[in-house]
Amino acid sequence: MKKIVDIAVSTDPIDDFQNIVEYAKLMQGHAEFLHCDIMDENFVSKNTYDYNVVKSINSASAIMLDCHLMVNEPANEVSKYINAGANIVTVHYEAFKDKDLLAEAIDYIKKSHALAGISLNPGTPFKEIRAFAYSADIILVMGVEPGASGQETMFETYDKVAEIYKFKVDNNLDFKIEFDGGVNEKNAGKLRDLGVDIIVSGSYVYNAKDRFKAINILKGIE
């Protein structure tokens, strides 16, 4: 039986923030999540938007909000995105100098009734975050270096997904594996086969002539 995954469409290709709201409304009922890429010219060089825009998206649409915080030391930012309506809040392992604060952030997100995600960059081995996998709801694997839409997936990140899936099964854990970076019709099937539960798509869906068909292709139902 084919594995059907959830799709989180990314806001990253969109420069006009009012268009993000319209995109969110268009995608509701088709994609499971809107993947809100939050960047502040700190953790990555690009700057996008903050929790105020997330609040506007939440007020104007019914789509679930998957907020990916690409900011350094995000512990003080987490509550702002939860209050803005985030359903998932994902923080980067690399963004915390003090890993105790990472553990506290994950705990806070879960206690606030949102799903807690931890993301790792392509160069970060899974063994570095293994201890956090027991408490996280989502492990977000970056298939590209964060900060720019339209990159090709780095081949070695497929092995990382396989390693994480094996760890999940061997330890009877129920976190979701999310993958972000370079996903298209050519590699979505491979990611589904490797055990990915949530596929993030920026350019592939946004630039498609038929966005809804593109979503179904990533899901594996077309």
C-alpha atoms as a PDB file:
ATOM      1  CA  MET A   1       0.000   0.000   0.000  1.00  0.00           C
ATOM      2  CA  LYS A   2       1.285   3.450  -0.890  1.00  0.00           C
ATOM      3  CA  LYS A   3       2.235   5.719   1.973  1.00  0.00           C
ATOM      4  CA  ILE A   4       0.197   8.925   1.888  1.00  0.00           C
ATOM      5  CA  VAL A   5       2.037  11.864   3.405  1.00  0.00           C
ATOM      6  CA  ASP A   6       0.936  15.277   4.620  1.00  0.00           C
ATOM      7  CA  ILE A   7       2.011  18.328   2.635  1.00  0.00           C
ATOM      8  CA  ALA A   8       3.206  21.586   4.157  1.00  0.00           C
ATOM      9  CA  VAL A   9       3.368  24.298   1.496  1.00  0.00           C
ATOM     10  CA  SER A  10       6.087  26.816   2.245  1.00  0.00           C
ATOM     11  CA  THR A  11       5.720  30.575   2.236  1.00  0.00           C
ATOM     12  CA  ASP A  12       9.389  31.011   1.281  1.00  0.00           C
ATOM     13  CA  PRO A  13       8.891  31.753  -2.452  1.00  0.00           C
ATOM     14  CA  ILE A  14       6.430  34.592  -1.636  1.00  0.00           C
ATOM     15  CA  ASP A  15       7.820  38.102  -1.206  1.00  0.00           C
ATOM     16  CA  ASP A  16       4.582  40.045  -0.714  1.00  0.00           C
ATOM     17  CA  PHE A  17       3.224  39.156   2.692  1.00  0.00           C
ATOM     18  CA  GLN A  18      -0.373  39.967   1.731  1.00  0.00           C
ATOM     19  CA  ASN A  19      -0.015  37.289  -0.926  1.00  0.00           C
ATOM     20  CA  ILE A  20       0.910  34.825   1.820  1.00  0.00           C
ATOM     21  CA  VAL A  21      -2.544  35.291   3.335  1.00  0.00           C
ATOM     22  CA  GLU A  22      -4.177  34.688  -0.055  1.00  0.00           C
ATOM     23  CA  TYR A  23      -1.977  31.636  -0.626  1.00  0.00           C
ATOM     24  CA  ALA A  24      -2.961  30.264   2.778  1.00  0.00           C
ATOM     25  CA  LYS A  25      -6.648  30.596   1.937  1.00  0.00           C
ATOM     26  CA  LEU A  26      -6.101  28.961  -1.449  1.00  0.00           C
ATOM     27  CA  MET A  27      -4.203  26.029   0.052  1.00  0.00           C
ATOM     28  CA  GLN A  28      -6.610  25.231   2.885  1.00  0.00           C
ATOM     29  CA  GLY A  29      -8.394  21.981   2.161  1.00  0.00           C
ATOM     30  CA  HIS A  30      -5.616  20.879  -0.195  1.00  0.00           C
ATOM     31  CA  ALA A  31      -2.382  21.041   1.822  1.00  0.00           C
ATOM     32  CA  GLU A  32      -2.425  19.985   5.459  1.00  0.00           C
ATOM     33  CA  PHE A  33      -0.114  22.780   6.626  1.00  0.00           C
ATOM     34  CA  LEU A  34       1.214  26.171   5.680  1.00  0.00           C
ATOM     35  CA  HIS A  35       4.944  26.028   6.410  1.00  0.00           C
ATOM     36  CA  CYS A  36       5.825  29.473   7.732  1.00  0.00           C
ATOM     37  CA  ASP A  37       9.543  30.038   7.170  1.00  0.00           C
ATOM     38  CA  ILE A  38      10.592  32.580   9.780  1.00  0.00           C
ATOM     39  CA  MET A  39      14.009  34.163   9.177  1.00  0.00           C
ATOM     40  CA  ASP A  40      15.542  37.262  10.761  1.00  0.00           C
ATOM     41  CA  GLU A  41      18.898  37.776   8.993  1.00  0.00           C
ATOM     42  CA  ASN A  42      20.529  36.164  11.989  1.00  0.00           C
ATOM     43  CA  PHE A  43      20.523  32.367  11.788  1.00  0.00           C
ATOM     44  CA  VAL A  44      20.328  32.703   8.007  1.00  0.00           C
ATOM     45  CA  SER A  45      21.018  35.744   5.824  1.00  0.00           C
ATOM     46  CA  LYS A  46      17.457  36.138   4.578  1.00  0.00           C
ATOM     47  CA  ASN A  47      14.748  38.123   6.367  1.00  0.00           C
ATOM     48  CA  THR A  48      11.065  37.197   6.045  1.00  0.00           C
ATOM     49  CA  TYR A  49       8.363  38.050   8.594  1.00  0.00           C
ATOM     50  CA  ASP A  50       7.446  37.563  12.228  1.00  0.00           C
ATOM     51  CA  TYR A  51       4.611  36.428  14.484  1.00  0.00           C
ATOM     52  CA  ASN A  52       2.424  39.413  13.541  1.00  0.00           C
ATOM     53  CA  VAL A  53       2.070  38.075  10.003  1.00  0.00           C
ATOM     54  CA  VAL A  54       1.448  34.570  11.388  1.00  0.00           C
ATOM     55  CA  LYS A  55      -1.356  36.039  13.498  1.00  0.00           C
ATOM     56  CA  SER A  56      -2.850  37.654  10.374  1.00  0.00           C
ATOM     57  CA  ILE A  57      -2.655  34.354   8.475  1.00  0.00           C
ATOM     58  CA  ASN A  58      -4.331  32.545  11.359  1.00  0.00           C
ATOM     59  CA  SER A  59      -7.140  35.125  11.499  1.00  0.00           C
ATOM     60  CA  ALA A  60      -7.809  34.964   7.761  1.00  0.00           C
ATOM     61  CA  SER A  61      -7.561  31.225   7.064  1.00  0.00           C
ATOM     62  CA  ALA A  62      -8.309  27.794   8.500  1.00  0.00           C
ATOM     63  CA  ILE A  63      -5.091  26.054   7.438  1.00  0.00           C
ATOM     64  CA  MET A  64      -2.860  24.555  10.121  1.00  0.00           C
ATOM     65  CA  LEU A  65       0.293  26.606  10.688  1.00  0.00           C
ATOM     66  CA  ASP A  66       3.692  24.925  10.759  1.00  0.00           C
ATOM     67  CA  CYS A  67       6.101  27.611  12.007  1.00  0.00           C
ATOM     68  CA  HIS A  68       9.770  26.924  11.307  1.00  0.00           C
ATOM     69  CA  LEU A  69      11.908  29.340  13.325  1.00  0.00           C
ATOM     70  CA  MET A  70      15.234  29.906  11.585  1.00  0.00           C
ATOM     71  CA  VAL A  71      16.479  32.330  14.225  1.00  0.00           C
ATOM     72  CA  ASN A  72      19.310  32.185  16.768  1.00  0.00           C
ATOM     73  CA  GLU A  73      18.416  31.544  20.418  1.00  0.00           C
ATOM     74  CA  PRO A  74      14.670  31.206  19.671  1.00  0.00           C
ATOM     75  CA  ALA A  75      13.623  30.392  23.251  1.00  0.00           C
ATOM     76  CA  ASN A  76      12.179  33.872  23.753  1.00  0.00           C
ATOM     77  CA  GLU A  77      10.318  33.738  20.429  1.00  0.00           C
ATOM     78  CA  VAL A  78       8.435  30.485  20.890  1.00  0.00           C
ATOM     79  CA  SER A  79       5.591  31.889  22.982  1.00  0.00           C
ATOM     80  CA  LYS A  80       4.929  34.651  20.441  1.00  0.00           C
ATOM     81  CA  TYR A  81       4.249  32.127  17.687  1.00  0.00           C
ATOM     82  CA  ILE A  82       2.094  29.933  19.890  1.00  0.00           C
ATOM     83  CA  ASN A  83       0.022  32.980  20.832  1.00  0.00           C
ATOM     84  CA  ALA A  84      -0.190  33.880  17.126  1.00  0.00           C
ATOM     85  CA  GLY A  85      -1.846  30.521  16.404  1.00  0.00           C
ATOM     86  CA  ALA A  86       0.962  28.148  15.427  1.00  0.00           C
ATOM     87  CA  ASN A  87      -0.002  24.468  15.463  1.00  0.00           C
ATOM     88  CA  ILE A  88       3.609  23.333  15.062  1.00  0.00           C
ATOM     89  CA  VAL A  89       6.629  25.264  16.312  1.00  0.00           C
ATOM     90  CA  THR A  90       9.980  23.952  15.101  1.00  0.00           C
ATOM     91  CA  VAL A  91      13.312  25.243  16.363  1.00  0.00           C
ATOM     92  CA  HIS A  92      16.810  24.472  15.107  1.00  0.00           C
ATOM     93  CA  TYR A  93      19.211  22.384  17.155  1.00  0.00           C
ATOM     94  CA  GLU A  94      22.060  24.563  15.875  1.00  0.00           C
ATOM     95  CA  ALA A  95      20.356  27.766  17.069  1.00  0.00           C
ATOM     96  CA  PHE A  96      20.918  26.980  20.756  1.00  0.00           C
ATOM     97  CA  LYS A  97      24.297  27.385  22.403  1.00  0.00           C
ATOM     98  CA  ASP A  98      22.790  26.071  25.639  1.00  0.00           C
ATOM     99  CA  LYS A  99      21.073  22.771  24.828  1.00  0.00           C
ATOM    100  CA  ASP A 100      19.207  22.858  28.147  1.00  0.00           C
ATOM    101  CA  LEU A 101      17.278  25.799  26.707  1.00  0.00           C
ATOM    102  CA  LEU A 102      16.389  23.639  23.708  1.00  0.00           C
ATOM    103  CA  ALA A 103      14.947  20.992  26.018  1.00  0.00           C
ATOM    104  CA  GLU A 104      12.991  23.688  27.859  1.00  0.00           C
ATOM    105  CA  ALA A 105      11.657  25.103  24.585  1.00  0.00           C
ATOM    106  CA  ILE A 106      10.411  21.692  23.458  1.00  0.00           C
ATOM    107  CA  ASP A 107       8.735  21.172  26.821  1.00  0.00           C
ATOM    108  CA  TYR A 108       7.116  24.625  26.698  1.00  0.00           C
ATOM    109  CA  ILE A 109       5.721  24.078  23.203  1.00  0.00           C
ATOM    110  CA  LYS A 110       4.192  20.735  24.194  1.00  0.00           C
ATOM    111  CA  LYS A 111       2.687  22.153  27.385  1.00  0.00           C
ATOM    112  CA  SER A 112       1.161  24.927  25.267  1.00  0.00           C
ATOM    113  CA  HIS A 113      -0.733  22.273  23.267  1.00  0.00           C
ATOM    114  CA  ALA A 114       1.239  22.771  20.043  1.00  0.00           C
ATOM    115  CA  LEU A 115       3.462  20.195  18.369  1.00  0.00           C
ATOM    116  CA  ALA A 116       7.161  20.612  19.119  1.00  0.00           C
ATOM    117  CA  GLY A 117       9.612  20.196  16.273  1.00  0.00           C
ATOM    118  CA  ILE A 118      13.381  20.115  16.199  1.00  0.00           C
ATOM    119  CA  SER A 119      15.230  20.727  12.954  1.00  0.00           C
ATOM    120  CA  LEU A 120      18.753  19.817  11.928  1.00  0.00           C
ATOM    121  CA  ASN A 121      20.809  21.237   9.078  1.00  0.00           C
ATOM    122  CA  PRO A 122      22.356  18.972   6.415  1.00  0.00           C
ATOM    123  CA  GLY A 123      25.739  19.043   8.134  1.00  0.00           C
ATOM    124  CA  THR A 124      24.399  18.081  11.574  1.00  0.00           C
ATOM    125  CA  PRO A 125      24.432  14.317  12.190  1.00  0.00           C
ATOM    126  CA  PHE A 126      21.344  12.780  13.739  1.00  0.00           C
ATOM    127  CA  LYS A 127      23.360  11.438  16.680  1.00  0.00           C
ATOM    128  CA  GLU A 128      23.690  15.008  17.983  1.00  0.00           C
ATOM    129  CA  ILE A 129      19.930  15.368  18.483  1.00  0.00           C
ATOM    130  CA  ARG A 130      19.104  11.749  19.291  1.00  0.00           C
ATOM    131  CA  ALA A 131      18.413  12.490  22.965  1.00  0.00           C
ATOM    132  CA  PHE A 132      15.801  15.088  21.992  1.00  0.00           C
ATOM    133  CA  ALA A 133      13.963  12.691  19.673  1.00  0.00           C
ATOM    134  CA  TYR A 134      12.314  11.037  22.668  1.00  0.00           C
ATOM    135  CA  SER A 135      10.404  14.213  23.524  1.00  0.00           C
ATOM    136  CA  ALA A 136       9.968  15.920  20.140  1.00  0.00           C
ATOM    137  CA  ASP A 137       6.752  15.522  18.143  1.00  0.00           C
ATOM    138  CA  ILE A 138       8.485  16.222  14.826  1.00  0.00           C
ATOM    139  CA  ILE A 139      12.028  15.839  13.499  1.00  0.00           C
ATOM    140  CA  LEU A 140      12.529  18.206  10.567  1.00  0.00           C
ATOM    141  CA  VAL A 141      15.350  17.131   8.269  1.00  0.00           C
ATOM    142  CA  MET A 142      16.743  19.930   6.120  1.00  0.00           C
ATOM    143  CA  GLY A 143      17.557  18.594   2.664  1.00  0.00           C
ATOM    144  CA  VAL A 144      19.247  21.883   1.742  1.00  0.00           C
ATOM    145  CA  GLU A 145      21.053  24.640   3.579  1.00  0.00           C
ATOM    146  CA  PRO A 146      18.317  26.822   5.128  1.00  0.00           C
ATOM    147  CA  GLY A 147      17.649  30.275   3.796  1.00  0.00           C
ATOM    148  CA  ALA A 148      16.937  29.983   0.068  1.00  0.00           C
ATOM    149  CA  SER A 149      14.096  28.446  -1.903  1.00  0.00           C
ATOM    150  CA  GLY A 150      14.674  26.422  -5.085  1.00  0.00           C
ATOM    151  CA  GLN A 151      17.804  24.457  -4.096  1.00  0.00           C
ATOM    152  CA  GLU A 152      18.358  20.818  -5.070  1.00  0.00           C
ATOM    153  CA  THR A 153      18.170  18.195  -2.341  1.00  0.00           C
ATOM    154  CA  MET A 154      21.556  17.166  -0.947  1.00  0.00           C
ATOM    155  CA  PHE A 155      21.865  13.437  -1.626  1.00  0.00           C
ATOM    156  CA  GLU A 156      23.369  12.541   1.760  1.00  0.00           C
ATOM    157  CA  THR A 157      20.259  13.727   3.583  1.00  0.00           C
ATOM    158  CA  TYR A 158      18.346  10.694   2.296  1.00  0.00           C
ATOM    159  CA  ASP A 159      20.616   8.489   4.414  1.00  0.00           C
ATOM    160  CA  LYS A 160      19.854  10.689   7.405  1.00  0.00           C
ATOM    161  CA  VAL A 161      16.123  10.149   6.912  1.00  0.00           C
ATOM    162  CA  ALA A 162      16.669   6.389   6.753  1.00  0.00           C
ATOM    163  CA  GLU A 163      18.720   6.520   9.966  1.00  0.00           C
ATOM    164  CA  ILE A 164      16.039   8.523  11.771  1.00  0.00           C
ATOM    165  CA  TYR A 165      13.259   6.212  10.592  1.00  0.00           C
ATOM    166  CA  LYS A 166      15.177   3.147  11.825  1.00  0.00           C
ATOM    167  CA  PHE A 167      15.759   4.825  15.191  1.00  0.00           C
ATOM    168  CA  LYS A 168      12.051   5.660  15.422  1.00  0.00           C
ATOM    169  CA  VAL A 169      10.967   2.089  14.704  1.00  0.00           C
ATOM    170  CA  ASP A 170      13.629   0.449  16.879  1.00  0.00           C
ATOM    171  CA  ASN A 171      12.621   2.590  19.856  1.00  0.00           C
ATOM    172  CA  ASN A 172       8.867   2.441  19.221  1.00  0.00           C
ATOM    173  CA  LEU A 173       8.610   6.237  19.024  1.00  0.00           C
ATOM    174  CA  ASP A 174       5.800   8.122  17.334  1.00  0.00           C
ATOM    175  CA  PHE A 175       7.364  11.410  16.248  1.00  0.00           C
ATOM    176  CA  LYS A 176       6.726  12.525  12.668  1.00  0.00           C
ATOM    177  CA  ILE A 177       9.575  12.872  10.185  1.00  0.00           C
ATOM    178  CA  GLU A 178       9.348  16.064   8.152  1.00  0.00           C
ATOM    179  CA  PHE A 179      11.564  16.875   5.160  1.00  0.00           C
ATOM    180  CA  ASP A 180      12.260  20.311   3.725  1.00  0.00           C
ATOM    181  CA  GLY A 181      14.358  21.159   0.695  1.00  0.00           C
ATOM    182  CA  GLY A 182      14.292  20.489  -3.040  1.00  0.00           C
ATOM    183  CA  VAL A 183      11.277  18.180  -3.045  1.00  0.00           C
ATOM    184  CA  ASN A 184       9.609  17.604  -6.405  1.00  0.00           C
ATOM    185  CA  GLU A 185       7.909  14.865  -8.441  1.00  0.00           C
ATOM    186  CA  LYS A 186      11.272  13.122  -8.958  1.00  0.00           C
ATOM    187  CA  ASN A 187      12.180  12.501  -5.314  1.00  0.00           C
ATOM    188  CA  ALA A 188       8.882  12.634  -3.403  1.00  0.00           C
ATOM    189  CA  GLY A 189       8.332   8.885  -3.853  1.00  0.00           C
ATOM    190  CA  LYS A 190      11.784   8.121  -2.469  1.00  0.00           C
ATOM    191  CA  LEU A 191      11.077  10.273   0.584  1.00  0.00           C
ATOM    192  CA  ARG A 192       7.750   8.538   1.166  1.00  0.00           C
ATOM    193  CA  ASP A 193       9.459   5.150   0.895  1.00  0.00           C
ATOM    194  CA  LEU A 194      12.117   6.232   3.403  1.00  0.00           C
ATOM    195  CA  GLY A 195       9.452   7.003   5.990  1.00  0.00           C
ATOM    196  CA  VAL A 196       8.852  10.739   5.691  1.00  0.00           C
ATOM    197  CA  ASP A 197       5.467  11.765   7.103  1.00  0.00           C
ATOM    198  CA  ILE A 198       5.357  15.462   6.167  1.00  0.00           C
ATOM    199  CA  ILE A 199       6.811  16.873   2.947  1.00  0.00           C
ATOM    200  CA  VAL A 200       7.524  20.592   2.779  1.00  0.00           C
ATOM    201  CA  SER A 201       7.243  22.145  -0.673  1.00  0.00           C
ATOM    202  CA  GLY A 202       8.082  25.692  -1.633  1.00  0.00           C
ATOM    203  CA  SER A 203       8.903  26.337  -5.285  1.00  0.00           C
ATOM    204  CA  TYR A 204       7.528  23.071  -6.683  1.00  0.00           C
ATOM    205  CA  VAL A 205       3.937  23.722  -5.604  1.00  0.00           C
ATOM    206  CA  TYR A 206       4.023  27.515  -5.740  1.00  0.00           C
ATOM    207  CA  ASN A 207       5.335  27.640  -9.323  1.00  0.00           C
ATOM    208  CA  ALA A 208       3.179  24.777 -10.618  1.00  0.00           C
ATOM    209  CA  LYS A 209       0.580  25.473 -13.314  1.00  0.00           C
ATOM    210  CA  ASP A 210      -1.821  23.288 -11.333  1.00  0.00           C
ATOM    211  CA  ARG A 211      -0.907  23.633  -7.668  1.00  0.00           C
ATOM    212  CA  PHE A 212      -3.509  21.168  -6.455  1.00  0.00           C
ATOM    213  CA  LYS A 213      -2.286  18.497  -8.851  1.00  0.00           C
ATOM    214  CA  ALA A 214       1.285  19.182  -7.698  1.00  0.00           C
ATOM    215  CA  ILE A 215       0.212  18.555  -4.097  1.00  0.00           C
ATOM    216  CA  ASN A 216      -1.417  15.258  -5.069  1.00  0.00           C
ATOM    217  CA  ILE A 217       1.729  14.172  -6.907  1.00  0.00           C
ATOM    218  CA  LEU A 218       3.799  14.798  -3.767  1.00  0.00           C
ATOM    219  CA  LYS A 219       1.225  12.890  -1.732  1.00  0.00           C
ATOM    220  CA  GLY A 220       1.487   9.949  -4.098  1.00  0.00           C
ATOM    221  CA  ILE A 221      -2.157   9.900  -5.146  1.00  0.00           C
ATOM    222  CA  GLU A 222      -1.597  11.025  -8.794  1.00  0.00           C
END
